[in-house]
Amino acid sequence: METALLIAGLGNPGAEYARSRHNAGFMAVDTIHASYGFGPWRARFQGVLSEGFLGKRKVYLLKPGTFMNLSGDSIGAAMRFFKLPLNALVVIHDELDLPAGKLKVKTGGGDAGNNGAKSITAALGADYRRVRIGIGHPGERGRVTGHVLGNFTRADEEQWLVPMLTAIAEAAPLLAKDNDVGFTNKIALTLNPPRPNAPRPPSKVPAPRVPKAKPEESDE
């Protein structure tokens, strides 16, 4: 019997962080959840968990509710409960060191200053798969916190965030097949089709639900 897969999206709980760049992992997992008929979110492992399938593989989706720097507490508890090996964990998170709108997948390695990844590595070890969504660097160290916790602008959402989230969801079954190269290639082809003038088949994935800004909020 094939081992189940746990896909965890990183972010911070609470409405004030819902549209922040640091919550890109939450947004990606929410889009996968909405695209493949996963079950309802239930409070478990200091977060919320949903169960479903990608292809024929059992998949658990997890959004830790511990705040970013304690993500390992939630994910570690889920991994131990389901008795999953570390290669059955995929973590989706934002990445300062990648340009905005770029995506990379890697197994193991350093945590590039991401406190969520640091917490998971401390709890479980480094050899899990990471889907890193680039949010760009503000250019100055003193502006990093404000940039990471700041909201995506509407231009970000329209130009690359919503297309990226849709592409991640469309390619997610390849993650369940442990085909990281295929996953990355499918996203690249979805976002940059080789024949831009050719009509593209309509996506089967519903449009991502990026949390809405309150009327008084500004993107400036």
N, C-alpha and C. Protein backbone atom coordinates (compact mmCIF):
# COMPACT_ATOMS: atom_id res chain seq x y z
N MET A 1 0.85 -1.20 0.00
CA MET A 1 0.00 0.00 0.00
C MET A 1 0.88 1.25 0.00
N GLU A 2 0.56 2.20 -0.86
CA GLU A 2 1.38 3.40 -0.98
C GLU A 2 1.25 4.28 0.25
N THR A 3 2.36 4.81 0.69
CA THR A 3 2.37 5.71 1.84
C THR A 3 1.60 6.99 1.51
N ALA A 4 0.82 7.47 2.47
CA ALA A 4 0.11 8.74 2.28
C ALA A 4 1.11 9.88 2.19
N LEU A 5 0.63 11.01 1.71
CA LEU A 5 1.43 12.22 1.56
C LEU A 5 0.83 13.33 2.41
N LEU A 6 1.68 14.07 3.11
CA LEU A 6 1.24 15.25 3.85
C LEU A 6 1.76 16.49 3.14
N ILE A 7 0.84 17.36 2.69
CA ILE A 7 1.22 18.64 2.09
C ILE A 7 0.84 19.73 3.07
N ALA A 8 1.85 20.43 3.57
CA ALA A 8 1.63 21.49 4.55
C ALA A 8 1.93 22.84 3.91
N GLY A 9 1.01 23.77 4.06
CA GLY A 9 1.24 25.14 3.63
C GLY A 9 1.57 25.99 4.85
N LEU A 10 2.55 26.85 4.73
CA LEU A 10 2.95 27.68 5.87
C LEU A 10 2.33 29.07 5.78
N GLY A 11 2.07 29.62 6.95
CA GLY A 11 1.50 30.95 7.05
C GLY A 11 1.25 31.29 8.50
N ASN A 12 0.64 32.43 8.73
CA ASN A 12 0.25 32.87 10.07
C ASN A 12 -1.27 32.90 10.16
N PRO A 13 -1.85 32.42 11.27
CA PRO A 13 -3.31 32.45 11.41
C PRO A 13 -3.81 33.86 11.70
N GLY A 14 -5.07 34.08 11.38
CA GLY A 14 -5.68 35.37 11.69
C GLY A 14 -5.94 36.20 10.45
N ALA A 15 -7.06 36.94 10.49
CA ALA A 15 -7.49 37.73 9.33
C ALA A 15 -6.48 38.80 8.95
N GLU A 16 -5.72 39.31 9.93
CA GLU A 16 -4.78 40.39 9.63
C GLU A 16 -3.61 39.93 8.76
N TYR A 17 -3.38 38.60 8.71
CA TYR A 17 -2.28 38.07 7.90
C TYR A 17 -2.77 37.37 6.63
N ALA A 18 -4.07 37.33 6.41
CA ALA A 18 -4.63 36.46 5.37
C ALA A 18 -4.08 36.76 3.98
N ARG A 19 -3.81 38.03 3.67
CA ARG A 19 -3.33 38.40 2.33
C ARG A 19 -1.83 38.67 2.30
N SER A 20 -1.14 38.36 3.37
CA SER A 20 0.28 38.69 3.44
C SER A 20 1.13 37.75 2.58
N ARG A 21 2.30 38.24 2.19
CA ARG A 21 3.22 37.43 1.39
C ARG A 21 3.65 36.17 2.14
N HIS A 22 3.74 36.27 3.47
CA HIS A 22 4.16 35.13 4.28
C HIS A 22 3.12 34.01 4.26
N ASN A 23 1.92 34.30 3.79
CA ASN A 23 0.85 33.30 3.76
C ASN A 23 0.67 32.65 2.40
N ALA A 24 1.66 32.77 1.53
CA ALA A 24 1.56 32.16 0.21
C ALA A 24 1.34 30.66 0.30
N GLY A 25 1.95 30.01 1.30
CA GLY A 25 1.77 28.57 1.46
C GLY A 25 0.33 28.21 1.81
N PHE A 26 -0.28 28.98 2.71
CA PHE A 26 -1.70 28.77 3.02
C PHE A 26 -2.54 28.89 1.76
N MET A 27 -2.28 29.93 0.97
CA MET A 27 -3.07 30.18 -0.24
C MET A 27 -2.95 29.01 -1.22
N ALA A 28 -1.74 28.47 -1.37
CA ALA A 28 -1.54 27.35 -2.30
C ALA A 28 -2.29 26.11 -1.84
N VAL A 29 -2.23 25.81 -0.55
CA VAL A 29 -2.93 24.64 -0.03
C VAL A 29 -4.44 24.83 -0.13
N ASP A 30 -4.91 26.05 0.11
CA ASP A 30 -6.34 26.33 -0.04
C ASP A 30 -6.80 26.08 -1.49
N THR A 31 -5.96 26.44 -2.45
CA THR A 31 -6.32 26.25 -3.86
C THR A 31 -6.35 24.76 -4.21
N ILE A 32 -5.39 23.99 -3.72
CA ILE A 32 -5.42 22.54 -3.92
C ILE A 32 -6.68 21.96 -3.28
N HIS A 33 -6.99 22.40 -2.08
CA HIS A 33 -8.17 21.91 -1.35
C HIS A 33 -9.45 22.14 -2.15
N ALA A 34 -9.57 23.32 -2.74
CA ALA A 34 -10.78 23.66 -3.49
C ALA A 34 -10.86 22.95 -4.84
N SER A 35 -9.75 22.41 -5.31
CA SER A 35 -9.68 21.89 -6.68
C SER A 35 -9.95 20.41 -6.81
N TYR A 36 -9.85 19.66 -5.71
CA TYR A 36 -9.90 18.20 -5.82
C TYR A 36 -10.86 17.53 -4.85
N GLY A 37 -11.85 18.25 -4.38
CA GLY A 37 -12.88 17.63 -3.57
C GLY A 37 -12.41 17.10 -2.23
N PHE A 38 -11.46 17.80 -1.62
CA PHE A 38 -11.01 17.38 -0.28
C PHE A 38 -12.12 17.59 0.74
N GLY A 39 -12.01 16.86 1.84
CA GLY A 39 -12.99 16.98 2.90
C GLY A 39 -12.89 18.30 3.63
N PRO A 40 -13.82 18.55 4.54
CA PRO A 40 -13.81 19.83 5.27
C PRO A 40 -12.58 19.96 6.15
N TRP A 41 -12.19 21.20 6.40
CA TRP A 41 -11.10 21.45 7.33
C TRP A 41 -11.56 21.13 8.75
N ARG A 42 -10.72 20.43 9.50
CA ARG A 42 -11.02 20.09 10.89
C ARG A 42 -9.83 20.48 11.77
N ALA A 43 -10.13 20.93 12.97
CA ALA A 43 -9.08 21.34 13.90
C ALA A 43 -8.31 20.11 14.38
N ARG A 44 -7.03 20.05 14.02
CA ARG A 44 -6.16 18.95 14.46
C ARG A 44 -4.71 19.42 14.44
N PHE A 45 -3.91 18.85 15.30
CA PHE A 45 -2.46 19.09 15.31
C PHE A 45 -2.12 20.58 15.41
N GLN A 46 -2.83 21.29 16.27
CA GLN A 46 -2.60 22.73 16.44
C GLN A 46 -2.76 23.49 15.13
N GLY A 47 -3.65 23.04 14.31
CA GLY A 47 -3.91 23.68 13.03
C GLY A 47 -5.20 23.14 12.47
N VAL A 48 -5.34 23.14 11.14
CA VAL A 48 -6.51 22.54 10.50
C VAL A 48 -6.03 21.55 9.45
N LEU A 49 -6.74 20.42 9.37
CA LEU A 49 -6.36 19.31 8.50
C LEU A 49 -7.54 18.93 7.61
N SER A 50 -7.24 18.55 6.38
CA SER A 50 -8.24 18.05 5.45
C SER A 50 -7.68 16.80 4.78
N GLU A 51 -8.57 15.86 4.46
CA GLU A 51 -8.15 14.60 3.84
C GLU A 51 -8.78 14.46 2.47
N GLY A 52 -8.04 13.86 1.56
CA GLY A 52 -8.56 13.62 0.22
C GLY A 52 -7.57 12.80 -0.59
N PHE A 53 -7.69 12.90 -1.90
CA PHE A 53 -6.82 12.14 -2.80
C PHE A 53 -6.33 13.04 -3.92
N LEU A 54 -5.10 12.81 -4.32
CA LEU A 54 -4.57 13.34 -5.57
C LEU A 54 -4.22 12.14 -6.42
N GLY A 55 -4.99 11.92 -7.50
CA GLY A 55 -4.88 10.67 -8.22
C GLY A 55 -5.36 9.56 -7.30
N LYS A 56 -4.57 8.53 -7.14
CA LYS A 56 -4.94 7.41 -6.27
C LYS A 56 -4.26 7.46 -4.92
N ARG A 57 -3.51 8.52 -4.66
CA ARG A 57 -2.75 8.59 -3.42
C ARG A 57 -3.50 9.38 -2.35
N LYS A 58 -3.56 8.81 -1.16
CA LYS A 58 -4.14 9.50 -0.01
C LYS A 58 -3.27 10.70 0.34
N VAL A 59 -3.92 11.85 0.54
CA VAL A 59 -3.19 13.08 0.84
C VAL A 59 -3.86 13.80 2.01
N TYR A 60 -3.03 14.26 2.92
CA TYR A 60 -3.47 15.13 4.00
C TYR A 60 -2.97 16.54 3.71
N LEU A 61 -3.86 17.51 3.82
CA LEU A 61 -3.50 18.92 3.71
C LEU A 61 -3.51 19.52 5.11
N LEU A 62 -2.47 20.27 5.45
CA LEU A 62 -2.36 20.82 6.80
C LEU A 62 -1.97 22.29 6.74
N LYS A 63 -2.67 23.11 7.53
CA LYS A 63 -2.30 24.51 7.74
C LYS A 63 -2.06 24.71 9.24
N PRO A 64 -0.79 24.78 9.64
CA PRO A 64 -0.51 24.97 11.07
C PRO A 64 -1.12 26.27 11.59
N GLY A 65 -1.62 26.23 12.81
CA GLY A 65 -2.17 27.42 13.44
C GLY A 65 -1.27 27.96 14.53
N THR A 66 0.00 27.59 14.47
CA THR A 66 0.94 27.89 15.55
C THR A 66 1.73 29.17 15.34
N PHE A 67 1.48 29.89 14.26
CA PHE A 67 2.33 30.97 13.76
C PHE A 67 3.58 30.35 13.14
N MET A 68 4.15 31.09 12.21
CA MET A 68 5.19 30.57 11.33
C MET A 68 6.35 29.93 12.07
N ASN A 69 6.86 30.60 13.11
CA ASN A 69 8.10 30.12 13.72
C ASN A 69 7.93 28.88 14.59
N LEU A 70 6.70 28.38 14.73
CA LEU A 70 6.45 27.13 15.45
C LEU A 70 5.77 26.09 14.55
N SER A 71 5.93 26.24 13.25
CA SER A 71 5.28 25.33 12.30
C SER A 71 5.67 23.88 12.55
N GLY A 72 6.89 23.65 13.00
CA GLY A 72 7.35 22.28 13.24
C GLY A 72 6.57 21.56 14.32
N ASP A 73 6.01 22.30 15.28
CA ASP A 73 5.21 21.66 16.33
C ASP A 73 3.98 20.98 15.72
N SER A 74 3.29 21.70 14.86
CA SER A 74 2.08 21.17 14.22
C SER A 74 2.41 20.06 13.23
N ILE A 75 3.36 20.32 12.34
CA ILE A 75 3.68 19.35 11.29
C ILE A 75 4.32 18.11 11.89
N GLY A 76 5.18 18.29 12.89
CA GLY A 76 5.79 17.15 13.55
C GLY A 76 4.76 16.25 14.20
N ALA A 77 3.76 16.84 14.84
CA ALA A 77 2.72 16.05 15.49
C ALA A 77 1.93 15.23 14.46
N ALA A 78 1.62 15.85 13.32
CA ALA A 78 0.88 15.13 12.27
C ALA A 78 1.72 14.01 11.67
N MET A 79 2.98 14.27 11.40
CA MET A 79 3.84 13.24 10.82
C MET A 79 3.98 12.05 11.76
N ARG A 80 4.13 12.31 13.05
CA ARG A 80 4.25 11.20 14.01
C ARG A 80 2.94 10.43 14.14
N PHE A 81 1.81 11.14 14.16
CA PHE A 81 0.52 10.47 14.31
C PHE A 81 0.24 9.53 13.14
N PHE A 82 0.50 9.99 11.91
CA PHE A 82 0.24 9.18 10.73
C PHE A 82 1.40 8.24 10.38
N LYS A 83 2.48 8.31 11.18
CA LYS A 83 3.65 7.45 11.00
C LYS A 83 4.21 7.56 9.57
N LEU A 84 4.40 8.80 9.14
CA LEU A 84 4.87 9.04 7.78
C LEU A 84 6.39 9.26 7.77
N PRO A 85 7.08 8.73 6.77
CA PRO A 85 8.50 9.01 6.62
C PRO A 85 8.70 10.45 6.13
N LEU A 86 9.90 10.97 6.30
CA LEU A 86 10.15 12.37 5.96
C LEU A 86 9.99 12.64 4.47
N ASN A 87 10.21 11.62 3.62
CA ASN A 87 10.04 11.84 2.19
C ASN A 87 8.57 11.88 1.77
N ALA A 88 7.66 11.73 2.74
CA ALA A 88 6.23 11.85 2.46
C ALA A 88 5.69 13.21 2.89
N LEU A 89 6.59 14.16 3.13
CA LEU A 89 6.21 15.51 3.52
C LEU A 89 6.58 16.51 2.43
N VAL A 90 5.61 17.33 2.03
CA VAL A 90 5.85 18.45 1.12
C VAL A 90 5.42 19.72 1.85
N VAL A 91 6.31 20.69 1.92
CA VAL A 91 6.01 21.96 2.58
C VAL A 91 6.02 23.06 1.52
N ILE A 92 4.95 23.85 1.46
CA ILE A 92 4.85 24.97 0.52
C ILE A 92 4.99 26.26 1.31
N HIS A 93 5.95 27.09 0.92
CA HIS A 93 6.19 28.33 1.68
C HIS A 93 6.73 29.43 0.78
N ASP A 94 6.66 30.65 1.27
CA ASP A 94 7.19 31.81 0.57
C ASP A 94 8.72 31.80 0.66
N GLU A 95 9.38 32.47 -0.28
CA GLU A 95 10.84 32.48 -0.33
C GLU A 95 11.35 33.87 -0.72
N LEU A 96 12.03 34.52 0.21
CA LEU A 96 12.60 35.84 -0.04
C LEU A 96 13.67 35.82 -1.11
N ASP A 97 14.45 34.74 -1.16
CA ASP A 97 15.61 34.69 -2.05
C ASP A 97 15.26 34.37 -3.49
N LEU A 98 13.98 34.18 -3.79
CA LEU A 98 13.55 33.97 -5.17
C LEU A 98 12.80 35.22 -5.64
N PRO A 99 13.00 35.62 -6.91
CA PRO A 99 12.23 36.76 -7.43
C PRO A 99 10.73 36.48 -7.36
N ALA A 100 9.97 37.52 -7.19
CA ALA A 100 8.51 37.37 -7.12
C ALA A 100 7.99 36.67 -8.37
N GLY A 101 7.16 35.66 -8.16
CA GLY A 101 6.57 34.94 -9.28
C GLY A 101 7.37 33.75 -9.75
N LYS A 102 8.52 33.47 -9.14
CA LYS A 102 9.32 32.31 -9.50
C LYS A 102 9.04 31.18 -8.50
N LEU A 103 9.25 29.95 -8.95
CA LEU A 103 9.00 28.80 -8.09
C LEU A 103 10.11 27.78 -8.25
N LYS A 104 10.53 27.20 -7.14
CA LYS A 104 11.50 26.12 -7.17
C LYS A 104 11.09 25.02 -6.20
N VAL A 105 11.48 23.80 -6.53
CA VAL A 105 11.24 22.65 -5.66
C VAL A 105 12.59 22.04 -5.32
N LYS A 106 12.79 21.75 -4.06
CA LYS A 106 14.03 21.08 -3.66
C LYS A 106 13.75 20.17 -2.48
N THR A 107 14.64 19.21 -2.27
CA THR A 107 14.59 18.35 -1.10
C THR A 107 15.80 18.67 -0.23
N GLY A 108 15.54 18.94 1.05
CA GLY A 108 16.63 19.23 1.96
C GLY A 108 17.28 20.56 1.71
N GLY A 109 18.49 20.71 2.23
CA GLY A 109 19.22 21.96 2.06
C GLY A 109 18.94 22.94 3.18
N GLY A 110 19.42 24.17 3.00
CA GLY A 110 19.24 25.20 4.00
C GLY A 110 17.83 25.78 4.00
N ASP A 111 17.54 26.57 5.02
CA ASP A 111 16.19 27.11 5.18
C ASP A 111 16.06 28.55 4.72
N ALA A 112 17.16 29.15 4.23
CA ALA A 112 17.14 30.48 3.61
C ALA A 112 16.43 31.53 4.45
N GLY A 113 16.58 31.44 5.77
CA GLY A 113 16.00 32.46 6.64
C GLY A 113 14.51 32.32 6.90
N ASN A 114 13.86 31.27 6.36
CA ASN A 114 12.43 31.09 6.59
C ASN A 114 12.23 30.42 7.94
N ASN A 115 11.60 31.13 8.87
CA ASN A 115 11.46 30.61 10.23
C ASN A 115 10.57 29.37 10.30
N GLY A 116 9.62 29.26 9.41
CA GLY A 116 8.79 28.06 9.38
C GLY A 116 9.60 26.84 9.00
N ALA A 117 10.42 26.98 7.94
CA ALA A 117 11.28 25.87 7.52
C ALA A 117 12.28 25.52 8.62
N LYS A 118 12.83 26.54 9.29
CA LYS A 118 13.76 26.28 10.39
C LYS A 118 13.10 25.44 11.48
N SER A 119 11.88 25.77 11.81
CA SER A 119 11.16 25.04 12.86
C SER A 119 10.91 23.60 12.46
N ILE A 120 10.53 23.38 11.20
CA ILE A 120 10.27 22.02 10.72
C ILE A 120 11.56 21.21 10.71
N THR A 121 12.65 21.82 10.25
CA THR A 121 13.94 21.13 10.23
C THR A 121 14.38 20.75 11.64
N ALA A 122 14.17 21.65 12.59
CA ALA A 122 14.53 21.35 13.98
C ALA A 122 13.72 20.20 14.54
N ALA A 123 12.45 20.11 14.12
CA ALA A 123 11.57 19.07 14.66
C ALA A 123 11.75 17.72 13.98
N LEU A 124 12.06 17.72 12.68
CA LEU A 124 12.01 16.48 11.91
C LEU A 124 13.28 16.16 11.14
N GLY A 125 14.14 17.13 10.91
CA GLY A 125 15.26 16.94 10.00
C GLY A 125 15.02 17.70 8.72
N ALA A 126 16.04 17.80 7.88
CA ALA A 126 15.99 18.68 6.71
C ALA A 126 15.52 18.01 5.44
N ASP A 127 15.44 16.70 5.39
CA ASP A 127 15.24 16.02 4.11
C ASP A 127 13.78 15.84 3.73
N TYR A 128 13.03 16.93 3.75
CA TYR A 128 11.66 16.94 3.24
C TYR A 128 11.63 17.82 1.99
N ARG A 129 10.57 17.67 1.21
CA ARG A 129 10.45 18.44 -0.03
C ARG A 129 9.86 19.81 0.26
N ARG A 130 10.41 20.82 -0.40
CA ARG A 130 9.93 22.20 -0.23
C ARG A 130 9.53 22.77 -1.59
N VAL A 131 8.34 23.30 -1.67
CA VAL A 131 7.89 24.06 -2.84
C VAL A 131 7.99 25.52 -2.44
N ARG A 132 8.93 26.24 -3.04
CA ARG A 132 9.26 27.60 -2.62
C ARG A 132 8.67 28.60 -3.62
N ILE A 133 7.79 29.46 -3.13
CA ILE A 133 7.16 30.48 -3.96
C ILE A 133 7.89 31.80 -3.74
N GLY A 134 8.53 32.32 -4.78
CA GLY A 134 9.29 33.55 -4.65
C GLY A 134 8.41 34.76 -4.39
N ILE A 135 8.80 35.55 -3.38
CA ILE A 135 8.09 36.81 -3.11
C ILE A 135 9.03 38.01 -3.28
N GLY A 136 10.28 37.74 -3.67
CA GLY A 136 11.24 38.83 -3.88
C GLY A 136 11.75 39.42 -2.57
N HIS A 137 12.88 40.09 -2.68
CA HIS A 137 13.50 40.74 -1.52
C HIS A 137 13.34 42.24 -1.66
N PRO A 138 13.02 42.94 -0.57
CA PRO A 138 12.81 44.39 -0.68
C PRO A 138 14.09 45.18 -0.92
N GLY A 139 15.25 44.52 -0.81
CA GLY A 139 16.51 45.19 -1.11
C GLY A 139 17.29 45.67 0.09
N GLU A 140 16.60 45.88 1.19
CA GLU A 140 17.26 46.33 2.42
C GLU A 140 16.84 45.44 3.57
N ARG A 141 17.81 45.06 4.39
CA ARG A 141 17.54 44.15 5.49
C ARG A 141 16.47 44.69 6.44
N GLY A 142 16.51 45.97 6.69
CA GLY A 142 15.57 46.56 7.61
C GLY A 142 14.13 46.56 7.13
N ARG A 143 13.93 46.31 5.84
CA ARG A 143 12.57 46.31 5.29
C ARG A 143 11.99 44.91 5.14
N VAL A 144 12.76 43.88 5.51
CA VAL A 144 12.33 42.51 5.26
C VAL A 144 11.04 42.17 6.00
N THR A 145 10.97 42.48 7.29
CA THR A 145 9.79 42.11 8.07
C THR A 145 8.53 42.75 7.51
N GLY A 146 8.60 44.03 7.20
CA GLY A 146 7.44 44.70 6.63
C GLY A 146 7.04 44.14 5.29
N HIS A 147 8.04 43.76 4.50
CA HIS A 147 7.76 43.18 3.18
C HIS A 147 7.07 41.83 3.32
N VAL A 148 7.63 40.97 4.16
CA VAL A 148 7.10 39.61 4.32
C VAL A 148 5.69 39.63 4.91
N LEU A 149 5.47 40.47 5.90
CA LEU A 149 4.17 40.53 6.55
C LEU A 149 3.20 41.47 5.85
N GLY A 150 3.69 42.20 4.85
CA GLY A 150 2.81 43.07 4.08
C GLY A 150 1.96 42.28 3.10
N ASN A 151 0.87 42.87 2.69
CA ASN A 151 -0.06 42.21 1.78
C ASN A 151 0.46 42.21 0.34
N PHE A 152 0.11 41.16 -0.39
CA PHE A 152 0.30 41.19 -1.84
C PHE A 152 -0.51 42.36 -2.40
N THR A 153 0.06 43.05 -3.36
CA THR A 153 -0.69 44.12 -4.00
C THR A 153 -1.67 43.51 -5.01
N ARG A 154 -2.62 44.30 -5.45
CA ARG A 154 -3.54 43.80 -6.47
C ARG A 154 -2.80 43.50 -7.76
N ALA A 155 -1.77 44.28 -8.05
CA ALA A 155 -0.97 44.00 -9.25
C ALA A 155 -0.28 42.65 -9.13
N ASP A 156 0.29 42.34 -7.95
CA ASP A 156 0.88 41.02 -7.70
C ASP A 156 -0.14 39.92 -7.98
N GLU A 157 -1.31 40.09 -7.41
CA GLU A 157 -2.35 39.06 -7.54
C GLU A 157 -2.70 38.82 -9.00
N GLU A 158 -2.90 39.89 -9.74
CA GLU A 158 -3.34 39.76 -11.12
C GLU A 158 -2.23 39.27 -12.04
N GLN A 159 -1.02 39.79 -11.84
CA GLN A 159 0.07 39.52 -12.77
C GLN A 159 0.71 38.15 -12.56
N TRP A 160 0.81 37.69 -11.29
CA TRP A 160 1.49 36.42 -11.12
C TRP A 160 0.96 35.52 -10.00
N LEU A 161 0.38 36.07 -8.93
CA LEU A 161 0.01 35.22 -7.80
C LEU A 161 -1.13 34.26 -8.14
N VAL A 162 -2.23 34.79 -8.66
CA VAL A 162 -3.36 33.91 -9.00
C VAL A 162 -2.98 32.89 -10.08
N PRO A 163 -2.28 33.30 -11.17
CA PRO A 163 -1.82 32.29 -12.12
C PRO A 163 -0.90 31.24 -11.49
N MET A 164 -0.03 31.65 -10.57
CA MET A 164 0.87 30.70 -9.91
C MET A 164 0.10 29.71 -9.05
N LEU A 165 -0.84 30.20 -8.25
CA LEU A 165 -1.62 29.31 -7.40
C LEU A 165 -2.43 28.32 -8.23
N THR A 166 -2.99 28.80 -9.33
CA THR A 166 -3.75 27.92 -10.23
C THR A 166 -2.84 26.84 -10.82
N ALA A 167 -1.65 27.25 -11.25
CA ALA A 167 -0.71 26.30 -11.85
C ALA A 167 -0.24 25.27 -10.83
N ILE A 168 0.00 25.68 -9.58
CA ILE A 168 0.39 24.73 -8.53
C ILE A 168 -0.70 23.69 -8.33
N ALA A 169 -1.94 24.14 -8.28
CA ALA A 169 -3.05 23.20 -8.09
C ALA A 169 -3.17 22.24 -9.28
N GLU A 170 -3.04 22.75 -10.49
CA GLU A 170 -3.15 21.88 -11.66
C GLU A 170 -2.05 20.81 -11.67
N ALA A 171 -0.86 21.18 -11.18
CA ALA A 171 0.27 20.25 -11.21
C ALA A 171 0.37 19.39 -9.96
N ALA A 172 -0.47 19.64 -8.96
CA ALA A 172 -0.35 18.94 -7.67
C ALA A 172 -0.37 17.41 -7.77
N PRO A 173 -1.16 16.80 -8.69
CA PRO A 173 -1.11 15.34 -8.77
C PRO A 173 0.29 14.80 -9.06
N LEU A 174 1.14 15.59 -9.69
CA LEU A 174 2.51 15.14 -9.95
C LEU A 174 3.33 15.13 -8.66
N LEU A 175 3.02 16.00 -7.70
CA LEU A 175 3.66 15.92 -6.39
C LEU A 175 3.31 14.60 -5.72
N ALA A 176 2.06 14.18 -5.88
CA ALA A 176 1.63 12.92 -5.28
C ALA A 176 2.29 11.72 -5.93
N LYS A 177 2.81 11.90 -7.13
CA LYS A 177 3.56 10.83 -7.80
C LYS A 177 5.06 10.94 -7.54
N ASP A 178 5.44 11.86 -6.64
CA ASP A 178 6.85 12.13 -6.33
C ASP A 178 7.64 12.55 -7.58
N ASN A 179 6.95 13.18 -8.51
CA ASN A 179 7.57 13.62 -9.76
C ASN A 179 7.79 15.13 -9.68
N ASP A 180 8.83 15.53 -8.96
CA ASP A 180 9.08 16.95 -8.75
C ASP A 180 9.47 17.66 -10.04
N VAL A 181 10.23 16.97 -10.89
CA VAL A 181 10.63 17.58 -12.17
C VAL A 181 9.40 17.81 -13.04
N GLY A 182 8.52 16.81 -13.11
CA GLY A 182 7.30 16.96 -13.88
C GLY A 182 6.41 18.06 -13.33
N PHE A 183 6.34 18.15 -12.00
CA PHE A 183 5.56 19.20 -11.34
C PHE A 183 6.08 20.59 -11.74
N THR A 184 7.39 20.77 -11.65
CA THR A 184 8.00 22.05 -11.99
C THR A 184 7.81 22.38 -13.47
N ASN A 185 8.01 21.39 -14.32
CA ASN A 185 7.87 21.62 -15.76
C ASN A 185 6.44 21.97 -16.14
N LYS A 186 5.47 21.31 -15.51
CA LYS A 186 4.07 21.59 -15.84
C LYS A 186 3.71 23.02 -15.44
N ILE A 187 4.20 23.45 -14.30
CA ILE A 187 3.95 24.83 -13.87
C ILE A 187 4.58 25.82 -14.85
N ALA A 188 5.82 25.53 -15.25
CA ALA A 188 6.50 26.42 -16.19
C ALA A 188 5.75 26.51 -17.52
N LEU A 189 5.25 25.40 -18.00
CA LEU A 189 4.51 25.40 -19.27
C LEU A 189 3.15 26.08 -19.13
N THR A 190 2.54 25.92 -17.95
CA THR A 190 1.25 26.57 -17.72
C THR A 190 1.40 28.08 -17.69
N LEU A 191 2.46 28.56 -17.03
CA LEU A 191 2.67 30.00 -16.89
C LEU A 191 3.30 30.62 -18.12
N ASN A 192 4.07 29.82 -18.87
CA ASN A 192 4.76 30.33 -20.07
C ASN A 192 4.57 29.36 -21.22
N PRO A 193 3.37 29.28 -21.77
CA PRO A 193 3.12 28.32 -22.85
C PRO A 193 4.01 28.61 -24.05
N PRO A 194 4.47 27.56 -24.75
CA PRO A 194 5.40 27.76 -25.87
C PRO A 194 4.77 28.46 -27.06
N ARG A 195 3.46 28.36 -27.21
CA ARG A 195 2.77 29.01 -28.32
C ARG A 195 1.73 29.96 -27.76
N PRO A 196 2.14 31.17 -27.39
CA PRO A 196 1.21 32.07 -26.70
C PRO A 196 0.00 32.45 -27.51
N ASN A 197 0.07 32.32 -28.85
CA ASN A 197 -1.07 32.69 -29.68
C ASN A 197 -2.08 31.55 -29.85
N ALA A 198 -1.67 30.36 -29.43
CA ALA A 198 -2.58 29.22 -29.57
C ALA A 198 -3.59 29.25 -28.44
N PRO A 199 -4.85 28.91 -28.72
CA PRO A 199 -5.84 28.89 -27.64
C PRO A 199 -5.51 27.82 -26.62
N ARG A 200 -5.63 28.17 -25.35
CA ARG A 200 -5.32 27.24 -24.27
C ARG A 200 -6.61 26.60 -23.78
N PRO A 201 -6.60 25.28 -23.53
CA PRO A 201 -7.80 24.62 -23.00
C PRO A 201 -8.19 25.25 -21.68
N PRO A 202 -9.47 25.37 -21.40
CA PRO A 202 -9.89 25.97 -20.14
C PRO A 202 -9.39 25.15 -18.95
N SER A 203 -8.98 25.85 -17.90
CA SER A 203 -8.48 25.16 -16.71
C SER A 203 -9.62 24.45 -16.00
N LYS A 204 -9.32 23.27 -15.45
CA LYS A 204 -10.30 22.54 -14.65
C LYS A 204 -10.24 22.95 -13.18
N VAL A 205 -9.26 23.78 -12.85
CA VAL A 205 -9.08 24.21 -11.48
C VAL A 205 -9.83 25.51 -11.26
N PRO A 206 -10.65 25.59 -10.20
CA PRO A 206 -11.35 26.86 -9.94
C PRO A 206 -10.39 27.96 -9.60
N ALA A 207 -10.81 29.19 -9.85
CA ALA A 207 -9.94 30.34 -9.56
C ALA A 207 -9.62 30.38 -8.08
N PRO A 208 -8.34 30.61 -7.74
CA PRO A 208 -7.96 30.68 -6.32
C PRO A 208 -8.71 31.79 -5.60
N ARG A 209 -8.98 31.55 -4.33
CA ARG A 209 -9.66 32.55 -3.51
C ARG A 209 -8.62 33.28 -2.67
N VAL A 210 -8.02 34.29 -3.25
CA VAL A 210 -7.09 35.12 -2.49
C VAL A 210 -7.93 35.96 -1.53
N PRO A 211 -7.59 35.94 -0.23
CA PRO A 211 -8.40 36.71 0.73
C PRO A 211 -8.57 38.15 0.29
N LYS A 212 -9.79 38.65 0.45
CA LYS A 212 -10.12 40.00 0.00
C LYS A 212 -9.64 41.04 1.00
N ALA A 213 -9.24 42.17 0.46
CA ALA A 213 -8.87 43.30 1.32
C ALA A 213 -10.13 43.93 1.88
N LYS A 214 -10.02 44.45 3.10
CA LYS A 214 -11.12 45.21 3.66
C LYS A 214 -11.24 46.54 2.92
N PRO A 215 -12.45 47.13 2.87
CA PRO A 215 -12.64 48.37 2.09
C PRO A 215 -11.67 49.47 2.46
N GLU A 216 -11.27 49.56 3.77
CA GLU A 216 -10.41 50.66 4.15
C GLU A 216 -8.94 50.37 3.91
N GLU A 217 -8.59 49.15 3.53
CA GLU A 217 -7.20 48.81 3.32
C GLU A 217 -6.69 49.37 2.01
N SER A 218 -5.42 49.59 1.95
CA SER A 218 -4.77 50.09 0.74
C SER A 218 -3.60 49.20 0.40
N ASP A 219 -3.26 49.10 -0.89
CA ASP A 219 -2.11 48.32 -1.33
C ASP A 219 -0.83 49.12 -1.32
N GLU A 220 -0.89 50.35 -0.96
CA GLU A 220 0.29 51.20 -0.94
C GLU A 220 1.14 50.90 0.29
